[in-house]
Structure formats: C-alpha cells, structure tokens
C-alpha cells in the first residue's frame, strides 16, 4: 500500500524460489508484469547504472532475461558488473555513456508473470496475494482501531476453511478504554474533501495520470473516522488474517469475515499458543479500501499517498490503544 512492502517469501516455513519480493501488478492474465527492480542512479562514465533489486536474491534480477519498462515496449538487457551499498551495478545494452544512463534514473524494470517458474506446492509468489481485501461488511471507517485475540494464517492453494487459526480467551480490560477522558487523547483523522482533492491533483502530477477524485475515492472510501473508534473484540472469536506481504484491500469485498489483513500476527499467535501464553492483536485501519475497478498499481500508489498524508494519526491512535489495553 502505498507501496507493497514485503515480508520474506514464505508461508509456514516454506521458502519460495528466487522471485520478486516487492511487486507491482501491471496487468492481468499472461500479460501481467511484475516489477523486479528500479534504476536508482549511475556509476562512472561508461554508462553503468545502479539497480535496486526487488528479487529475493538480488542478483537473480539478471536471470529473467530481457526486462521491460513501464510501457512494456522497451527491452532492457542487464549485465551485472558489480555491487555497491544496497544496489547492483549493471551495464545495459546500448547505453555507453553517463548522459544516456542519467536518462534512465527512476526507470522501473518488469518481468512477465507468465515467464516466472511455477512455485512448488504450498509455495507462492507475493504478487499472487495482491487483491486480497480487508474491506469490512459493516463499513468500518479508515482510522478505526480494532483489537482481537485470534489470528488466521493464509495458506496458498488451500481452501479458506482449512487455514489454521490461533486464538485464546484473553480479553483486554476496559478499565482505561471505557474512561471518557481517554477518548479525548485520540486524534480524529482529519480527512476533508478539499484536502483529498489536492492529494489527487498531486498524485496525477506525479504519475502523469488523469484520475478524478470520484475514481480514487468512490463513496468516501478514504474519508477518515472523525470520531476515533476502538473496537475491543478480544475474547469474541473475531480474527484477523495474516499474509506474508502487504496487500491492498478493495471494494471487491473478499475476506469480509476478518477484521483486517496484516503481517506477522498469526505467526506470533502460533508461537504463543504453543507455549500457552495469552496474546492479543491491536491494529489500526491505516490503509483505506481501494476501488477494485482501478489497476492494482494505481490502488497501491493511491493507498500509499493517503497513508503518507494521514498515517501518523492512525498509528498514534493504535499505539495509544495498545498501551491502554495493557494498563
């Protein structure tokens, strides 16, 4: 969201083959493309470039053959020549001087999803998880904080009903949460239509797009909760869903049964359950539901823009709620 920030490529201990670990879906079906890296700068005077690789093994970016640019029309052949601090150094066919290399700064590098080898059983590519939805059937607003004492672990290729759930009977006390003065400490999420319109204009300028606010914010999806809410659902059986990568919730409405889709939580629940340790999860709804009609790349970028603008408020409320439940 939001950029799709990854966790390691694994589900329940199984490692995926070298594959993109930070992805942007650029289409559907066999024409879908996955972003495997970005050119971040130049090196020297011979036209070498610095490449930030998003693959699990950074050097694997050169093993996919010719890559493509954002439009899919330009082929980029990388020849790795070295490594720097956090980047790879590469030579590109046809780029022979620094000036030509400078013009490639910021260029994203894509591989076709269809060109990736199929994952083994119980393994998956992170791009296959993009589109899981965190939309709530009850219309939960962006900014609400939810607390649960159960987590469900997503398992690729298996029916949802079989996904393992880790839960316990811990209930967060309402001693502080129910105090009227406590709610005065929470920050309303100050989203206003005029502010979102400015954000929309800046978004279009940055990405050379022409989306309207109605497309990016249909039915007020990105309007924050003016009166911060903390839903203490611990002990009720309500569960969140854990995946190994960040995903964008959409209006498609899948996985409505879960309070949110996040990372790590169910793994922590599994460890706590094994040691008979009480546990609970506090999550702020900091990433707005996205319009399912928009391309996945646009959903991620717009969600990131909204989070950058308002994430401080939701994170503050979530942190305060967590401390209140421990008080």
C-alpha atoms as a PDB file:
ATOM      1  CA  UNK A   1       0.000   0.000   0.000  1.00  0.00           C
ATOM      2  CA  UNK A   2       1.077   2.533  -0.602  1.00  0.00           C
ATOM      3  CA  UNK A   3       3.956   0.675  -1.838  1.00  0.00           C
ATOM      4  CA  UNK A   4       3.634  -3.045  -1.492  1.00  0.00           C
ATOM      5  CA  UNK A   5       6.117  -3.539   1.407  1.00  0.00           C
ATOM      6  CA  UNK A   6       7.074  -7.217   1.654  1.00  0.00           C
ATOM      7  CA  UNK A   7       7.910  -9.715   4.322  1.00  0.00           C
ATOM      8  CA  UNK A   8      10.067 -12.758   3.400  1.00  0.00           C
ATOM      9  CA  UNK A   9       8.650 -15.100   0.726  1.00  0.00           C
ATOM     10  CA  UNK A  10       7.398 -17.856   2.982  1.00  0.00           C
ATOM     11  CA  UNK A  11       4.271 -19.496   4.308  1.00  0.00           C
ATOM     12  CA  UNK A  12       4.642 -21.697   7.382  1.00  0.00           C
ATOM     13  CA  UNK A  13       8.384 -22.144   6.934  1.00  0.00           C
ATOM     14  CA  UNK A  14       8.465 -22.985   3.202  1.00  0.00           C
ATOM     15  CA  UNK A  15      10.846 -20.877   1.126  1.00  0.00           C
ATOM     16  CA  UNK A  16       9.716 -19.750  -2.314  1.00  0.00           C
ATOM     17  CA  UNK A  17      12.129 -19.919  -5.263  1.00  0.00           C
ATOM     18  CA  UNK A  18      14.045 -16.720  -6.101  1.00  0.00           C
ATOM     19  CA  UNK A  19      11.302 -14.312  -7.036  1.00  0.00           C
ATOM     20  CA  UNK A  20      10.209 -10.720  -6.709  1.00  0.00           C
ATOM     21  CA  UNK A  21       9.828  -9.751  -3.056  1.00  0.00           C
ATOM     22  CA  UNK A  22       8.392  -6.298  -3.762  1.00  0.00           C
ATOM     23  CA  UNK A  23       5.877  -6.259  -6.567  1.00  0.00           C
ATOM     24  CA  UNK A  24       3.640  -4.115  -8.686  1.00  0.00           C
ATOM     25  CA  UNK A  25       1.000  -5.841 -10.776  1.00  0.00           C
ATOM     26  CA  UNK A  26       0.954  -4.239 -14.219  1.00  0.00           C
ATOM     27  CA  UNK A  27      -1.862  -6.136 -15.860  1.00  0.00           C
ATOM     28  CA  UNK A  28      -3.996  -9.252 -15.932  1.00  0.00           C
ATOM     29  CA  UNK A  29      -3.514 -12.798 -17.165  1.00  0.00           C
ATOM     30  CA  UNK A  30      -0.442 -13.789 -19.188  1.00  0.00           C
ATOM     31  CA  UNK A  31       0.283 -10.131 -19.922  1.00  0.00           C
ATOM     32  CA  UNK A  32       0.616  -9.278 -16.201  1.00  0.00           C
ATOM     33  CA  UNK A  33       4.015  -7.867 -15.301  1.00  0.00           C
ATOM     34  CA  UNK A  34       5.836  -7.754 -12.004  1.00  0.00           C
ATOM     35  CA  UNK A  35       8.288  -5.039 -11.021  1.00  0.00           C
ATOM     36  CA  UNK A  36      11.598  -6.690 -10.110  1.00  0.00           C
ATOM     37  CA  UNK A  37      13.768  -3.608  -9.683  1.00  0.00           C
ATOM     38  CA  UNK A  38      14.397   0.069 -10.323  1.00  0.00           C
ATOM     39  CA  UNK A  39      17.349   2.042 -11.695  1.00  0.00           C
ATOM     40  CA  UNK A  40      18.341   4.422  -8.917  1.00  0.00           C
ATOM     41  CA  UNK A  41      21.356   6.189 -10.390  1.00  0.00           C
ATOM     42  CA  UNK A  42      24.514   5.989 -12.480  1.00  0.00           C
ATOM     43  CA  UNK A  43      28.042   4.768 -11.791  1.00  0.00           C
ATOM     44  CA  UNK A  44      31.099   6.156 -13.505  1.00  0.00           C
ATOM     45  CA  UNK A  45      31.383   7.481 -17.067  1.00  0.00           C
ATOM     46  CA  UNK A  46      30.846   4.295 -19.075  1.00  0.00           C
ATOM     47  CA  UNK A  47      27.056   4.219 -18.794  1.00  0.00           C
ATOM     48  CA  UNK A  48      26.825   1.808 -15.885  1.00  0.00           C
ATOM     49  CA  UNK A  49      23.731   2.113 -13.697  1.00  0.00           C
ATOM     50  CA  UNK A  50      22.833   1.403 -10.097  1.00  0.00           C
ATOM     51  CA  UNK A  51      19.938  -1.049  -9.764  1.00  0.00           C
ATOM     52  CA  UNK A  52      17.855  -1.675  -6.650  1.00  0.00           C
ATOM     53  CA  UNK A  53      16.716  -5.277  -6.999  1.00  0.00           C
ATOM     54  CA  UNK A  54      13.400  -6.419  -5.528  1.00  0.00           C
ATOM     55  CA  UNK A  55      14.094 -10.131  -6.039  1.00  0.00           C
ATOM     56  CA  UNK A  56      14.646 -12.413  -3.044  1.00  0.00           C
ATOM     57  CA  UNK A  57      18.217 -12.999  -4.234  1.00  0.00           C
ATOM     58  CA  UNK A  58      19.223  -9.553  -5.613  1.00  0.00           C
ATOM     59  CA  UNK A  59      21.431 -10.913  -8.408  1.00  0.00           C
ATOM     60  CA  UNK A  60      18.533 -13.037  -9.692  1.00  0.00           C
ATOM     61  CA  UNK A  61      17.166  -9.946 -11.439  1.00  0.00           C
ATOM     62  CA  UNK A  62      19.576 -10.651 -14.305  1.00  0.00           C
ATOM     63  CA  UNK A  63      18.418 -14.254 -14.652  1.00  0.00           C
ATOM     64  CA  UNK A  64      14.975 -13.462 -16.069  1.00  0.00           C
ATOM     65  CA  UNK A  65      16.288 -12.442 -19.482  1.00  0.00           C
ATOM     66  CA  UNK A  66      15.382  -9.099 -21.085  1.00  0.00           C
ATOM     67  CA  UNK A  67      13.264  -6.925 -18.802  1.00  0.00           C
ATOM     68  CA  UNK A  68      10.693  -4.293 -19.813  1.00  0.00           C
ATOM     69  CA  UNK A  69       9.934  -0.699 -18.875  1.00  0.00           C
ATOM     70  CA  UNK A  70       6.623   0.665 -17.534  1.00  0.00           C
ATOM     71  CA  UNK A  71       5.057   0.724 -21.001  1.00  0.00           C
ATOM     72  CA  UNK A  72       6.144  -2.823 -21.796  1.00  0.00           C
ATOM     73  CA  UNK A  73       7.527  -1.708 -25.156  1.00  0.00           C
ATOM     74  CA  UNK A  74      11.205  -1.264 -24.319  1.00  0.00           C
ATOM     75  CA  UNK A  75      13.520  -4.203 -23.672  1.00  0.00           C
ATOM     76  CA  UNK A  76      16.320  -3.785 -21.135  1.00  0.00           C
ATOM     77  CA  UNK A  77      19.136  -6.318 -21.015  1.00  0.00           C
ATOM     78  CA  UNK A  78      21.109  -6.166 -17.775  1.00  0.00           C
ATOM     79  CA  UNK A  79      24.671  -7.383 -17.410  1.00  0.00           C
ATOM     80  CA  UNK A  80      25.781  -7.302 -13.791  1.00  0.00           C
ATOM     81  CA  UNK A  81      29.269  -5.908 -13.334  1.00  0.00           C
ATOM     82  CA  UNK A  82      29.465  -5.435  -9.578  1.00  0.00           C
ATOM     83  CA  UNK A  83      27.694  -4.390  -6.416  1.00  0.00           C
ATOM     84  CA  UNK A  84      27.560  -1.298  -4.262  1.00  0.00           C
ATOM     85  CA  UNK A  85      25.971  -0.449  -0.939  1.00  0.00           C
ATOM     86  CA  UNK A  86      22.470  -1.915  -1.221  1.00  0.00           C
ATOM     87  CA  UNK A  87      22.485  -1.861  -5.044  1.00  0.00           C
ATOM     88  CA  UNK A  88      23.793  -3.786  -8.021  1.00  0.00           C
ATOM     89  CA  UNK A  89      25.981  -2.241 -10.710  1.00  0.00           C
ATOM     90  CA  UNK A  90      24.942  -3.127 -14.217  1.00  0.00           C
ATOM     91  CA  UNK A  91      25.673  -2.439 -17.847  1.00  0.00           C
ATOM     92  CA  UNK A  92      22.714  -2.058 -20.230  1.00  0.00           C
ATOM     93  CA  UNK A  93      22.942  -2.977 -23.888  1.00  0.00           C
ATOM     94  CA  UNK A  94      23.011   0.221 -25.978  1.00  0.00           C
ATOM     95  CA  UNK A  95      23.882   2.544 -23.073  1.00  0.00           C
ATOM     96  CA  UNK A  96      27.505   3.605 -23.450  1.00  0.00           C
ATOM     97  CA  UNK A  97      27.879   6.941 -21.665  1.00  0.00           C
ATOM     98  CA  UNK A  98      26.869   8.677 -18.467  1.00  0.00           C
ATOM     99  CA  UNK A  99      24.396  11.058 -20.137  1.00  0.00           C
ATOM    100  CA  UNK A 100      22.383   8.186 -21.601  1.00  0.00           C
ATOM    101  CA  UNK A 101      22.463   6.392 -18.269  1.00  0.00           C
ATOM    102  CA  UNK A 102      21.249   9.517 -16.431  1.00  0.00           C
ATOM    103  CA  UNK A 103      18.052   9.466 -18.506  1.00  0.00           C
ATOM    104  CA  UNK A 104      17.209   6.030 -17.091  1.00  0.00           C
ATOM    105  CA  UNK A 105      17.122   7.112 -13.447  1.00  0.00           C
ATOM    106  CA  UNK A 106      13.819   6.084 -11.865  1.00  0.00           C
ATOM    107  CA  UNK A 107      13.046   3.519 -14.571  1.00  0.00           C
ATOM    108  CA  UNK A 108      11.201   0.512 -13.184  1.00  0.00           C
ATOM    109  CA  UNK A 109      12.131  -2.910 -14.523  1.00  0.00           C
ATOM    110  CA  UNK A 110       9.461  -5.535 -15.147  1.00  0.00           C
ATOM    111  CA  UNK A 111       9.256  -9.234 -15.946  1.00  0.00           C
ATOM    112  CA  UNK A 112       6.162 -11.009 -17.294  1.00  0.00           C
ATOM    113  CA  UNK A 113       4.361 -13.032 -14.617  1.00  0.00           C
ATOM    114  CA  UNK A 114       3.963 -15.839 -17.173  1.00  0.00           C
ATOM    115  CA  UNK A 115       7.758 -16.066 -17.531  1.00  0.00           C
ATOM    116  CA  UNK A 116       8.280 -16.938 -13.864  1.00  0.00           C
ATOM    117  CA  UNK A 117       8.652 -20.642 -12.986  1.00  0.00           C
ATOM    118  CA  UNK A 118       5.622 -22.136 -11.234  1.00  0.00           C
ATOM    119  CA  UNK A 119       6.049 -22.287  -7.444  1.00  0.00           C
ATOM    120  CA  UNK A 120       6.126 -25.641  -5.695  1.00  0.00           C
ATOM    121  CA  UNK A 121       3.204 -26.919  -3.674  1.00  0.00           C
ATOM    122  CA  UNK A 122       2.489 -24.688  -0.659  1.00  0.00           C
ATOM    123  CA  UNK A 123       4.761 -22.001  -2.133  1.00  0.00           C
ATOM    124  CA  UNK A 124       3.639 -18.778  -3.781  1.00  0.00           C
ATOM    125  CA  UNK A 125       4.733 -15.531  -5.325  1.00  0.00           C
ATOM    126  CA  UNK A 126       3.839 -12.417  -3.377  1.00  0.00           C
ATOM    127  CA  UNK A 127       2.184 -10.893  -6.448  1.00  0.00           C
ATOM    128  CA  UNK A 128      -0.405 -13.677  -6.290  1.00  0.00           C
ATOM    129  CA  UNK A 129      -1.665 -12.249  -2.987  1.00  0.00           C
ATOM    130  CA  UNK A 130      -2.290  -8.741  -4.319  1.00  0.00           C
ATOM    131  CA  UNK A 131      -6.007  -8.052  -4.304  1.00  0.00           C
ATOM    132  CA  UNK A 132      -6.904  -9.725  -1.024  1.00  0.00           C
ATOM    133  CA  UNK A 133      -9.442  -7.398   0.520  1.00  0.00           C
ATOM    134  CA  UNK A 134      -9.633  -6.007   4.017  1.00  0.00           C
ATOM    135  CA  UNK A 135     -12.977  -4.335   3.418  1.00  0.00           C
ATOM    136  CA  UNK A 136     -15.396  -4.824   6.275  1.00  0.00           C
ATOM    137  CA  UNK A 137     -19.017  -5.769   5.703  1.00  0.00           C
ATOM    138  CA  UNK A 138     -20.061  -3.363   8.455  1.00  0.00           C
ATOM    139  CA  UNK A 139     -18.467  -0.378   6.721  1.00  0.00           C
ATOM    140  CA  UNK A 140     -15.609   0.205   9.170  1.00  0.00           C
ATOM    141  CA  UNK A 141     -14.049   3.609   8.547  1.00  0.00           C
ATOM    142  CA  UNK A 142     -10.426   4.330   7.795  1.00  0.00           C
ATOM    143  CA  UNK A 143      -8.806   5.131  11.154  1.00  0.00           C
ATOM    144  CA  UNK A 144     -10.722   2.714  13.385  1.00  0.00           C
ATOM    145  CA  UNK A 145      -8.614   0.666  15.824  1.00  0.00           C
ATOM    146  CA  UNK A 146      -9.531  -2.996  16.280  1.00  0.00           C
ATOM    147  CA  UNK A 147      -8.317  -5.440  18.906  1.00  0.00           C
ATOM    148  CA  UNK A 148      -8.771  -9.207  18.603  1.00  0.00           C
ATOM    149  CA  UNK A 149      -7.379 -12.305  20.284  1.00  0.00           C
ATOM    150  CA  UNK A 150      -7.299 -14.582  17.240  1.00  0.00           C
ATOM    151  CA  UNK A 151      -5.310 -14.721  14.028  1.00  0.00           C
ATOM    152  CA  UNK A 152      -5.807 -16.802  10.875  1.00  0.00           C
ATOM    153  CA  UNK A 153      -2.844 -17.781   8.687  1.00  0.00           C
ATOM    154  CA  UNK A 154      -3.288 -17.597   4.917  1.00  0.00           C
ATOM    155  CA  UNK A 155      -2.161 -20.791   3.167  1.00  0.00           C
ATOM    156  CA  UNK A 156      -1.652 -20.601  -0.584  1.00  0.00           C
ATOM    157  CA  UNK A 157      -3.527 -23.155  -2.657  1.00  0.00           C
ATOM    158  CA  UNK A 158      -5.689 -24.372   0.208  1.00  0.00           C
ATOM    159  CA  UNK A 159      -9.375 -23.667   0.843  1.00  0.00           C
ATOM    160  CA  UNK A 160     -10.083 -20.805   3.202  1.00  0.00           C
ATOM    161  CA  UNK A 161     -11.946 -23.088   5.596  1.00  0.00           C
ATOM    162  CA  UNK A 162      -8.759 -25.089   6.220  1.00  0.00           C
ATOM    163  CA  UNK A 163      -6.492 -22.154   7.084  1.00  0.00           C
ATOM    164  CA  UNK A 164      -5.152 -22.561  10.648  1.00  0.00           C
ATOM    165  CA  UNK A 165      -6.459 -20.197  13.283  1.00  0.00           C
ATOM    166  CA  UNK A 166      -4.666 -19.417  16.526  1.00  0.00           C
ATOM    167  CA  UNK A 167      -6.791 -17.980  19.305  1.00  0.00           C
ATOM    168  CA  UNK A 168      -7.100 -17.766  23.043  1.00  0.00           C
ATOM    169  CA  UNK A 169      -9.517 -16.419  25.611  1.00  0.00           C
ATOM    170  CA  UNK A 170      -7.588 -13.287  26.539  1.00  0.00           C
ATOM    171  CA  UNK A 171      -9.799 -10.239  26.914  1.00  0.00           C
ATOM    172  CA  UNK A 172      -8.425  -6.708  27.029  1.00  0.00           C
ATOM    173  CA  UNK A 173      -9.678  -4.872  30.124  1.00  0.00           C
ATOM    174  CA  UNK A 174     -11.875  -1.826  29.536  1.00  0.00           C
ATOM    175  CA  UNK A 175     -10.576  -0.002  32.619  1.00  0.00           C
ATOM    176  CA  UNK A 176      -8.839   2.681  30.583  1.00  0.00           C
ATOM    177  CA  UNK A 177     -10.645   2.240  27.272  1.00  0.00           C
ATOM    178  CA  UNK A 178     -14.032   2.974  28.836  1.00  0.00           C
ATOM    179  CA  UNK A 179     -12.789   6.137  30.505  1.00  0.00           C
ATOM    180  CA  UNK A 180     -14.345   9.156  28.803  1.00  0.00           C
ATOM    181  CA  UNK A 181     -11.159  11.140  29.287  1.00  0.00           C
ATOM    182  CA  UNK A 182      -9.160   8.524  27.380  1.00  0.00           C
ATOM    183  CA  UNK A 183     -11.070   9.179  24.150  1.00  0.00           C
ATOM    184  CA  UNK A 184     -10.064  12.819  24.376  1.00  0.00           C
ATOM    185  CA  UNK A 185      -6.474  11.699  23.826  1.00  0.00           C
ATOM    186  CA  UNK A 186      -7.267  10.121  20.468  1.00  0.00           C
ATOM    187  CA  UNK A 187      -6.725  12.040  17.225  1.00  0.00           C
ATOM    188  CA  UNK A 188      -9.532  12.328  14.678  1.00  0.00           C
ATOM    189  CA  UNK A 189      -8.287  11.541  11.168  1.00  0.00           C
ATOM    190  CA  UNK A 190      -8.611  14.978   9.504  1.00  0.00           C
ATOM    191  CA  UNK A 191      -9.616  13.965   6.002  1.00  0.00           C
ATOM    192  CA  UNK A 192     -11.554  16.629   4.089  1.00  0.00           C
ATOM    193  CA  UNK A 193     -12.743  16.534   0.507  1.00  0.00           C
ATOM    194  CA  UNK A 194     -10.707  19.628  -0.338  1.00  0.00           C
ATOM    195  CA  UNK A 195      -7.542  18.064   1.083  1.00  0.00           C
ATOM    196  CA  UNK A 196      -8.126  14.818  -0.795  1.00  0.00           C
ATOM    197  CA  UNK A 197      -8.645  16.805  -3.994  1.00  0.00           C
ATOM    198  CA  UNK A 198      -5.244  18.438  -3.503  1.00  0.00           C
ATOM    199  CA  UNK A 199      -3.777  14.983  -2.912  1.00  0.00           C
ATOM    200  CA  UNK A 200      -5.492  13.739  -6.077  1.00  0.00           C
ATOM    201  CA  UNK A 201      -4.004  16.610  -8.092  1.00  0.00           C
ATOM    202  CA  UNK A 202      -0.517  15.904  -6.743  1.00  0.00           C
ATOM    203  CA  UNK A 203      -0.986  12.197  -7.435  1.00  0.00           C
ATOM    204  CA  UNK A 204      -1.898  12.825 -11.076  1.00  0.00           C
ATOM    205  CA  UNK A 205       1.016  15.193 -11.493  1.00  0.00           C
ATOM    206  CA  UNK A 206       3.489  12.687 -10.066  1.00  0.00           C
ATOM    207  CA  UNK A 207       2.272   9.726 -12.112  1.00  0.00           C
ATOM    208  CA  UNK A 208       1.156  11.612 -15.240  1.00  0.00           C
ATOM    209  CA  UNK A 209      -2.395  10.302 -14.828  1.00  0.00           C
ATOM    210  CA  UNK A 210      -5.861  11.869 -15.058  1.00  0.00           C
ATOM    211  CA  UNK A 211      -7.885  10.115 -12.362  1.00  0.00           C
ATOM    212  CA  UNK A 212     -10.732  12.025 -10.756  1.00  0.00           C
ATOM    213  CA  UNK A 213     -11.251  12.096  -7.009  1.00  0.00           C
ATOM    214  CA  UNK A 214     -14.502  10.197  -7.566  1.00  0.00           C
ATOM    215  CA  UNK A 215     -12.490   7.342  -9.089  1.00  0.00           C
ATOM    216  CA  UNK A 216      -9.880   7.300  -6.357  1.00  0.00           C
ATOM    217  CA  UNK A 217     -12.345   7.936  -3.527  1.00  0.00           C
ATOM    218  CA  UNK A 218     -15.724   6.437  -4.526  1.00  0.00           C
ATOM    219  CA  UNK A 219     -18.369   6.726  -1.841  1.00  0.00           C
ATOM    220  CA  UNK A 220     -15.896   8.378   0.520  1.00  0.00           C
ATOM    221  CA  UNK A 221     -13.664   5.311   0.915  1.00  0.00           C
ATOM    222  CA  UNK A 222     -10.769   7.476   2.031  1.00  0.00           C
ATOM    223  CA  UNK A 223     -12.663   9.634   4.492  1.00  0.00           C
ATOM    224  CA  UNK A 224     -11.231   9.056   7.939  1.00  0.00           C
ATOM    225  CA  UNK A 225     -13.078   8.424  11.150  1.00  0.00           C
ATOM    226  CA  UNK A 226     -13.852  11.876  12.556  1.00  0.00           C
ATOM    227  CA  UNK A 227     -14.642  10.322  15.927  1.00  0.00           C
ATOM    228  CA  UNK A 228     -11.925   7.737  16.609  1.00  0.00           C
ATOM    229  CA  UNK A 229     -13.311   4.321  17.432  1.00  0.00           C
ATOM    230  CA  UNK A 230     -11.629   1.472  19.296  1.00  0.00           C
ATOM    231  CA  UNK A 231     -13.350  -1.856  18.768  1.00  0.00           C
ATOM    232  CA  UNK A 232     -12.301  -4.193  21.562  1.00  0.00           C
ATOM    233  CA  UNK A 233     -13.245  -7.567  20.083  1.00  0.00           C
ATOM    234  CA  UNK A 234     -10.870  -9.632  22.188  1.00  0.00           C
ATOM    235  CA  UNK A 235     -12.449 -12.802  23.502  1.00  0.00           C
ATOM    236  CA  UNK A 236     -15.199 -12.687  20.874  1.00  0.00           C
ATOM    237  CA  UNK A 237     -13.688 -15.043  18.306  1.00  0.00           C
ATOM    238  CA  UNK A 238     -13.142 -12.249  15.774  1.00  0.00           C
ATOM    239  CA  UNK A 239      -9.959 -12.923  13.807  1.00  0.00           C
ATOM    240  CA  UNK A 240      -7.585 -11.024  11.559  1.00  0.00           C
ATOM    241  CA  UNK A 241      -5.888 -12.565   8.516  1.00  0.00           C
ATOM    242  CA  UNK A 242      -2.109 -12.856   8.250  1.00  0.00           C
ATOM    243  CA  UNK A 243      -0.310 -12.933   4.904  1.00  0.00           C
ATOM    244  CA  UNK A 244       3.428 -12.727   4.218  1.00  0.00           C
ATOM    245  CA  UNK A 245       3.202  -9.480   2.269  1.00  0.00           C
ATOM    246  CA  UNK A 246       1.305  -6.231   2.309  1.00  0.00           C
ATOM    247  CA  UNK A 247      -1.880  -6.405   0.241  1.00  0.00           C
ATOM    248  CA  UNK A 248      -4.386  -3.804  -0.873  1.00  0.00           C
ATOM    249  CA  UNK A 249      -7.984  -4.148   0.271  1.00  0.00           C
ATOM    250  CA  UNK A 250     -10.528  -3.424  -2.479  1.00  0.00           C
ATOM    251  CA  UNK A 251     -14.247  -2.926  -2.948  1.00  0.00           C
ATOM    252  CA  UNK A 252     -14.432  -6.487  -4.286  1.00  0.00           C
ATOM    253  CA  UNK A 253     -15.179  -7.375  -0.662  1.00  0.00           C
ATOM    254  CA  UNK A 254     -13.329 -10.678  -0.345  1.00  0.00           C
ATOM    255  CA  UNK A 255     -12.417 -11.902   3.140  1.00  0.00           C
ATOM    256  CA  UNK A 256     -15.031  -9.784   4.868  1.00  0.00           C
ATOM    257  CA  UNK A 257     -15.004 -12.175   7.802  1.00  0.00           C
ATOM    258  CA  UNK A 258     -11.648 -10.847   9.007  1.00  0.00           C
ATOM    259  CA  UNK A 259     -11.160  -7.650  10.950  1.00  0.00           C
ATOM    260  CA  UNK A 260      -8.108  -6.722   8.883  1.00  0.00           C
ATOM    261  CA  UNK A 261      -5.353  -8.199   6.736  1.00  0.00           C
ATOM    262  CA  UNK A 262      -1.904  -7.760   8.196  1.00  0.00           C
ATOM    263  CA  UNK A 263       1.506  -9.411   8.536  1.00  0.00           C
ATOM    264  CA  UNK A 264       3.159 -11.414  11.329  1.00  0.00           C
ATOM    265  CA  UNK A 265       0.241 -11.585  13.791  1.00  0.00           C
ATOM    266  CA  UNK A 266      -0.889 -15.181  13.318  1.00  0.00           C
ATOM    267  CA  UNK A 267       2.750 -16.331  13.419  1.00  0.00           C
ATOM    268  CA  UNK A 268       3.055 -14.686  16.828  1.00  0.00           C
ATOM    269  CA  UNK A 269      -0.239 -16.301  17.830  1.00  0.00           C
ATOM    270  CA  UNK A 270       1.074 -19.706  16.761  1.00  0.00           C
ATOM    271  CA  UNK A 271       4.169 -19.298  18.929  1.00  0.00           C
ATOM    272  CA  UNK A 272       2.146 -18.057  21.903  1.00  0.00           C
ATOM    273  CA  UNK A 273      -0.370 -20.871  21.581  1.00  0.00           C
ATOM    274  CA  UNK A 274       2.450 -23.425  21.582  1.00  0.00           C
ATOM    275  CA  UNK A 275       3.761 -22.039  24.878  1.00  0.00           C
ATOM    276  CA  UNK A 276       0.310 -21.481  26.411  1.00  0.00           C
ATOM    277  CA  UNK A 277       0.891 -17.714  26.527  1.00  0.00           C
ATOM    278  CA  UNK A 278      -2.044 -15.283  26.391  1.00  0.00           C
ATOM    279  CA  UNK A 279      -1.969 -12.922  23.422  1.00  0.00           C
ATOM    280  CA  UNK A 280      -3.949 -10.328  21.512  1.00  0.00           C
ATOM    281  CA  UNK A 281      -3.513  -8.066  18.486  1.00  0.00           C
ATOM    282  CA  UNK A 282      -4.187  -4.344  18.151  1.00  0.00           C
ATOM    283  CA  UNK A 283      -4.389  -2.998  14.591  1.00  0.00           C
ATOM    284  CA  UNK A 284      -5.293   0.441  13.313  1.00  0.00           C
ATOM    285  CA  UNK A 285      -7.137   0.557   9.990  1.00  0.00           C
ATOM    286  CA  UNK A 286      -4.498   2.771   8.413  1.00  0.00           C
ATOM    287  CA  UNK A 287      -4.819   1.741   4.772  1.00  0.00           C
ATOM    288  CA  UNK A 288      -8.054   2.701   3.037  1.00  0.00           C
ATOM    289  CA  UNK A 289     -10.043   0.273   0.944  1.00  0.00           C
ATOM    290  CA  UNK A 290      -9.355   0.827  -2.762  1.00  0.00           C
ATOM    291  CA  UNK A 291     -11.604   0.980  -5.821  1.00  0.00           C
ATOM    292  CA  UNK A 292     -11.441  -2.536  -7.313  1.00  0.00           C
ATOM    293  CA  UNK A 293     -12.076  -1.074 -10.794  1.00  0.00           C
ATOM    294  CA  UNK A 294      -8.664   0.617 -10.781  1.00  0.00           C
ATOM    295  CA  UNK A 295      -5.438  -1.143 -11.851  1.00  0.00           C
ATOM    296  CA  UNK A 296      -3.620  -2.772  -8.947  1.00  0.00           C
ATOM    297  CA  UNK A 297      -0.633  -0.468  -9.414  1.00  0.00           C
ATOM    298  CA  UNK A 298      -2.862   2.597  -9.065  1.00  0.00           C
ATOM    299  CA  UNK A 299      -4.556   1.137  -5.986  1.00  0.00           C
ATOM    300  CA  UNK A 300      -1.197   0.661  -4.314  1.00  0.00           C
ATOM    301  CA  UNK A 301       0.111   4.093  -5.223  1.00  0.00           C
ATOM    302  CA  UNK A 302      -3.032   5.921  -4.113  1.00  0.00           C
ATOM    303  CA  UNK A 303      -3.185   3.971  -0.864  1.00  0.00           C
ATOM    304  CA  UNK A 304       0.429   4.927  -0.241  1.00  0.00           C
ATOM    305  CA  UNK A 305      -0.355   8.600  -0.854  1.00  0.00           C
ATOM    306  CA  UNK A 306      -3.229   8.531   1.635  1.00  0.00           C
ATOM    307  CA  UNK A 307      -1.150   6.693   4.216  1.00  0.00           C
ATOM    308  CA  UNK A 308       1.712   9.169   3.840  1.00  0.00           C
ATOM    309  CA  UNK A 309      -0.717  12.018   4.477  1.00  0.00           C
ATOM    310  CA  UNK A 310      -2.683  10.548   7.389  1.00  0.00           C
ATOM    311  CA  UNK A 311      -0.755   7.528   8.712  1.00  0.00           C
ATOM    312  CA  UNK A 312       0.566   9.476  11.698  1.00  0.00           C
ATOM    313  CA  UNK A 313      -2.945   9.874  13.119  1.00  0.00           C
ATOM    314  CA  UNK A 314      -3.936   6.219  12.733  1.00  0.00           C
ATOM    315  CA  UNK A 315      -0.590   4.952  14.055  1.00  0.00           C
ATOM    316  CA  UNK A 316      -0.803   7.233  17.083  1.00  0.00           C
ATOM    317  CA  UNK A 317      -4.289   6.009  17.944  1.00  0.00           C
ATOM    318  CA  UNK A 318      -3.277   2.375  17.515  1.00  0.00           C
ATOM    319  CA  UNK A 319      -0.241   2.761  19.757  1.00  0.00           C
ATOM    320  CA  UNK A 320      -2.262   4.576  22.433  1.00  0.00           C
ATOM    321  CA  UNK A 321      -4.952   1.879  22.357  1.00  0.00           C
ATOM    322  CA  UNK A 322      -2.330  -0.835  22.795  1.00  0.00           C
ATOM    323  CA  UNK A 323      -0.897   0.869  25.882  1.00  0.00           C
ATOM    324  CA  UNK A 324      -4.403   1.407  27.274  1.00  0.00           C
ATOM    325  CA  UNK A 325      -5.161  -2.306  26.993  1.00  0.00           C
ATOM    326  CA  UNK A 326      -2.015  -3.171  28.872  1.00  0.00           C
ATOM    327  CA  UNK A 327      -2.660  -0.640  31.656  1.00  0.00           C
END
